[in-house]
């Protein structure tokens, strides 16, 4: 907010108050990076335990409708299968494109193709 004038700040505060009054009855939708877990394996059972623990915690905290609308994960088949089974029919499970590229690059290096690609004499 450093460059805003006092008038701009006052106007923004008034706009925020009006927005709060106008949306008082609306349901607020928020996105949270909810789960980070260090697991001993990549098995579906491990991921199901984590998803179950989050559901239990949400119930204890009285969080209404804690069913995720979207789950974005890496390309581990265990978490994908667990998320599809534990989520509702409305839960969209998708994989992160960054992790696909990362996995592909590691495979290219493991196959020795990176050196071949970088070889200036192999044009």
C-alpha atoms as a PDB file:
ATOM      1  CA  UNK A   1       0.000   0.000   0.000  1.00  0.00           C
ATOM      2  CA  UNK A   2       3.022   2.269   0.181  1.00  0.00           C
ATOM      3  CA  UNK A   3       2.211   4.481  -2.800  1.00  0.00           C
ATOM      4  CA  UNK A   4      -1.516   4.981  -2.174  1.00  0.00           C
ATOM      5  CA  UNK A   5      -2.694   8.359  -0.942  1.00  0.00           C
ATOM      6  CA  UNK A   6      -4.860   8.688   2.175  1.00  0.00           C
ATOM      7  CA  UNK A   7      -7.865   9.390  -0.030  1.00  0.00           C
ATOM      8  CA  UNK A   8      -7.272   6.215  -2.045  1.00  0.00           C
ATOM      9  CA  UNK A   9      -6.881   4.203   1.172  1.00  0.00           C
ATOM     10  CA  UNK A  10     -10.108   5.620   2.604  1.00  0.00           C
ATOM     11  CA  UNK A  11     -11.954   4.890  -0.651  1.00  0.00           C
ATOM     12  CA  UNK A  12     -10.610   1.303  -0.690  1.00  0.00           C
ATOM     13  CA  UNK A  13     -11.665   0.789   2.937  1.00  0.00           C
ATOM     14  CA  UNK A  14     -15.173   2.054   2.095  1.00  0.00           C
ATOM     15  CA  UNK A  15     -15.344  -0.245  -0.944  1.00  0.00           C
ATOM     16  CA  UNK A  16     -14.244  -3.202   1.210  1.00  0.00           C
ATOM     17  CA  UNK A  17     -16.955  -2.442   3.788  1.00  0.00           C
ATOM     18  CA  UNK A  18     -19.625  -2.208   1.072  1.00  0.00           C
ATOM     19  CA  UNK A  19     -18.428  -5.454  -0.484  1.00  0.00           C
ATOM     20  CA  UNK A  20     -18.647  -7.203   2.889  1.00  0.00           C
ATOM     21  CA  UNK A  21     -22.221  -5.945   3.385  1.00  0.00           C
ATOM     22  CA  UNK A  22     -23.279  -6.970  -0.137  1.00  0.00           C
ATOM     23  CA  UNK A  23     -21.774 -10.467   0.168  1.00  0.00           C
ATOM     24  CA  UNK A  24     -22.876 -11.219   3.732  1.00  0.00           C
ATOM     25  CA  UNK A  25     -25.229 -14.019   2.616  1.00  0.00           C
ATOM     26  CA  UNK A  26     -22.951 -15.471  -0.068  1.00  0.00           C
ATOM     27  CA  UNK A  27     -20.871 -18.549   0.593  1.00  0.00           C
ATOM     28  CA  UNK A  28     -17.190 -17.726   0.461  1.00  0.00           C
ATOM     29  CA  UNK A  29     -15.049 -20.089  -1.587  1.00  0.00           C
ATOM     30  CA  UNK A  30     -11.371 -20.271  -0.750  1.00  0.00           C
ATOM     31  CA  UNK A  31      -8.458 -22.318  -2.042  1.00  0.00           C
ATOM     32  CA  UNK A  32      -5.915 -23.688   0.388  1.00  0.00           C
ATOM     33  CA  UNK A  33      -2.743 -25.705  -0.118  1.00  0.00           C
ATOM     34  CA  UNK A  34      -3.998 -28.070   2.513  1.00  0.00           C
ATOM     35  CA  UNK A  35      -1.840 -31.149   2.591  1.00  0.00           C
ATOM     36  CA  UNK A  36       1.881 -31.607   2.708  1.00  0.00           C
ATOM     37  CA  UNK A  37       3.017 -34.984   3.983  1.00  0.00           C
ATOM     38  CA  UNK A  38       6.277 -36.875   4.182  1.00  0.00           C
ATOM     39  CA  UNK A  39       5.361 -40.534   3.672  1.00  0.00           C
ATOM     40  CA  UNK A  40       7.367 -43.733   3.937  1.00  0.00           C
ATOM     41  CA  UNK A  41       6.064 -45.081   0.614  1.00  0.00           C
ATOM     42  CA  UNK A  42       4.137 -44.070  -2.492  1.00  0.00           C
ATOM     43  CA  UNK A  43       1.369 -46.601  -1.950  1.00  0.00           C
ATOM     44  CA  UNK A  44      -2.263 -45.640  -2.280  1.00  0.00           C
ATOM     45  CA  UNK A  45      -2.886 -46.839   1.297  1.00  0.00           C
ATOM     46  CA  UNK A  46      -0.469 -44.208   2.651  1.00  0.00           C
ATOM     47  CA  UNK A  47      -2.198 -41.416   0.743  1.00  0.00           C
ATOM     48  CA  UNK A  48      -5.626 -42.635   1.869  1.00  0.00           C
ATOM     49  CA  UNK A  49      -4.481 -42.410   5.490  1.00  0.00           C
ATOM     50  CA  UNK A  50      -3.409 -38.783   4.979  1.00  0.00           C
ATOM     51  CA  UNK A  51      -6.647 -37.839   3.220  1.00  0.00           C
ATOM     52  CA  UNK A  52      -8.616 -39.546   5.994  1.00  0.00           C
ATOM     53  CA  UNK A  53      -6.673 -37.663   8.679  1.00  0.00           C
ATOM     54  CA  UNK A  54      -7.471 -34.345   6.992  1.00  0.00           C
ATOM     55  CA  UNK A  55     -11.155 -35.246   6.767  1.00  0.00           C
ATOM     56  CA  UNK A  56     -11.205 -36.209  10.456  1.00  0.00           C
ATOM     57  CA  UNK A  57      -9.451 -32.972  11.446  1.00  0.00           C
ATOM     58  CA  UNK A  58     -11.932 -30.915   9.396  1.00  0.00           C
ATOM     59  CA  UNK A  59     -14.847 -32.648  11.136  1.00  0.00           C
ATOM     60  CA  UNK A  60     -13.323 -32.011  14.575  1.00  0.00           C
ATOM     61  CA  UNK A  61     -12.864 -28.339  13.662  1.00  0.00           C
ATOM     62  CA  UNK A  62     -16.458 -28.222  12.389  1.00  0.00           C
ATOM     63  CA  UNK A  63     -15.462 -27.174   8.881  1.00  0.00           C
ATOM     64  CA  UNK A  64     -18.566 -27.327   6.735  1.00  0.00           C
ATOM     65  CA  UNK A  65     -18.356 -28.993   3.346  1.00  0.00           C
ATOM     66  CA  UNK A  66     -14.683 -29.885   3.358  1.00  0.00           C
ATOM     67  CA  UNK A  67     -15.015 -31.827   0.114  1.00  0.00           C
ATOM     68  CA  UNK A  68     -12.323 -30.520  -2.239  1.00  0.00           C
ATOM     69  CA  UNK A  69     -13.464 -29.239  -5.612  1.00  0.00           C
ATOM     70  CA  UNK A  70     -10.042 -29.821  -7.163  1.00  0.00           C
ATOM     71  CA  UNK A  71      -6.938 -31.777  -6.211  1.00  0.00           C
ATOM     72  CA  UNK A  72      -3.705 -30.988  -8.037  1.00  0.00           C
ATOM     73  CA  UNK A  73      -0.864 -33.395  -7.460  1.00  0.00           C
ATOM     74  CA  UNK A  74       2.275 -34.799  -8.998  1.00  0.00           C
ATOM     75  CA  UNK A  75       2.223 -37.843 -11.259  1.00  0.00           C
ATOM     76  CA  UNK A  76       2.315 -40.496  -8.511  1.00  0.00           C
ATOM     77  CA  UNK A  77      -0.324 -43.087  -9.336  1.00  0.00           C
ATOM     78  CA  UNK A  78      -0.918 -43.782  -5.622  1.00  0.00           C
ATOM     79  CA  UNK A  79      -2.089 -40.245  -4.804  1.00  0.00           C
ATOM     80  CA  UNK A  80      -4.102 -39.993  -8.023  1.00  0.00           C
ATOM     81  CA  UNK A  81      -5.981 -43.220  -7.242  1.00  0.00           C
ATOM     82  CA  UNK A  82      -6.444 -42.322  -3.560  1.00  0.00           C
ATOM     83  CA  UNK A  83      -7.749 -38.847  -4.427  1.00  0.00           C
ATOM     84  CA  UNK A  84     -10.194 -40.261  -6.967  1.00  0.00           C
ATOM     85  CA  UNK A  85     -11.494 -42.824  -4.466  1.00  0.00           C
ATOM     86  CA  UNK A  86     -11.607 -40.539  -1.416  1.00  0.00           C
ATOM     87  CA  UNK A  87     -13.017 -37.496  -3.220  1.00  0.00           C
ATOM     88  CA  UNK A  88     -16.588 -37.009  -4.296  1.00  0.00           C
ATOM     89  CA  UNK A  89     -17.949 -37.233  -7.830  1.00  0.00           C
ATOM     90  CA  UNK A  90     -17.508 -33.456  -7.971  1.00  0.00           C
ATOM     91  CA  UNK A  91     -13.790 -33.569  -7.086  1.00  0.00           C
ATOM     92  CA  UNK A  92     -11.552 -32.973 -10.092  1.00  0.00           C
ATOM     93  CA  UNK A  93      -8.163 -34.678  -9.846  1.00  0.00           C
ATOM     94  CA  UNK A  94      -5.431 -33.319 -12.104  1.00  0.00           C
ATOM     95  CA  UNK A  95      -1.664 -33.498 -12.298  1.00  0.00           C
ATOM     96  CA  UNK A  96       0.831 -30.652 -12.296  1.00  0.00           C
ATOM     97  CA  UNK A  97       2.497 -29.961 -15.655  1.00  0.00           C
ATOM     98  CA  UNK A  98       5.724 -28.890 -13.893  1.00  0.00           C
ATOM     99  CA  UNK A  99       6.092 -32.341 -12.367  1.00  0.00           C
ATOM    100  CA  UNK A 100       5.529 -33.976 -15.759  1.00  0.00           C
ATOM    101  CA  UNK A 101       8.358 -31.910 -17.249  1.00  0.00           C
ATOM    102  CA  UNK A 102      10.584 -32.655 -14.282  1.00  0.00           C
ATOM    103  CA  UNK A 103       9.936 -36.396 -14.584  1.00  0.00           C
ATOM    104  CA  UNK A 104      10.528 -36.322 -18.339  1.00  0.00           C
ATOM    105  CA  UNK A 105      13.831 -34.456 -17.907  1.00  0.00           C
ATOM    106  CA  UNK A 106      15.047 -36.979 -15.305  1.00  0.00           C
ATOM    107  CA  UNK A 107      14.172 -39.824 -17.682  1.00  0.00           C
ATOM    108  CA  UNK A 108      16.013 -38.131 -20.562  1.00  0.00           C
ATOM    109  CA  UNK A 109      19.096 -37.820 -18.357  1.00  0.00           C
ATOM    110  CA  UNK A 110      18.812 -41.422 -17.117  1.00  0.00           C
ATOM    111  CA  UNK A 111      18.675 -42.705 -20.692  1.00  0.00           C
ATOM    112  CA  UNK A 112      21.799 -40.693 -21.611  1.00  0.00           C
ATOM    113  CA  UNK A 113      19.928 -38.601 -24.152  1.00  0.00           C
ATOM    114  CA  UNK A 114      20.961 -35.268 -22.615  1.00  0.00           C
ATOM    115  CA  UNK A 115      24.602 -35.778 -23.601  1.00  0.00           C
ATOM    116  CA  UNK A 116      23.594 -36.799 -27.106  1.00  0.00           C
ATOM    117  CA  UNK A 117      21.373 -33.712 -27.429  1.00  0.00           C
ATOM    118  CA  UNK A 118      24.159 -31.394 -26.250  1.00  0.00           C
ATOM    119  CA  UNK A 119      26.799 -32.930 -28.575  1.00  0.00           C
ATOM    120  CA  UNK A 120      27.727 -30.119 -31.038  1.00  0.00           C
ATOM    121  CA  UNK A 121      29.164 -32.617 -33.547  1.00  0.00           C
ATOM    122  CA  UNK A 122      25.838 -34.426 -33.840  1.00  0.00           C
ATOM    123  CA  UNK A 123      23.976 -31.749 -35.772  1.00  0.00           C
END
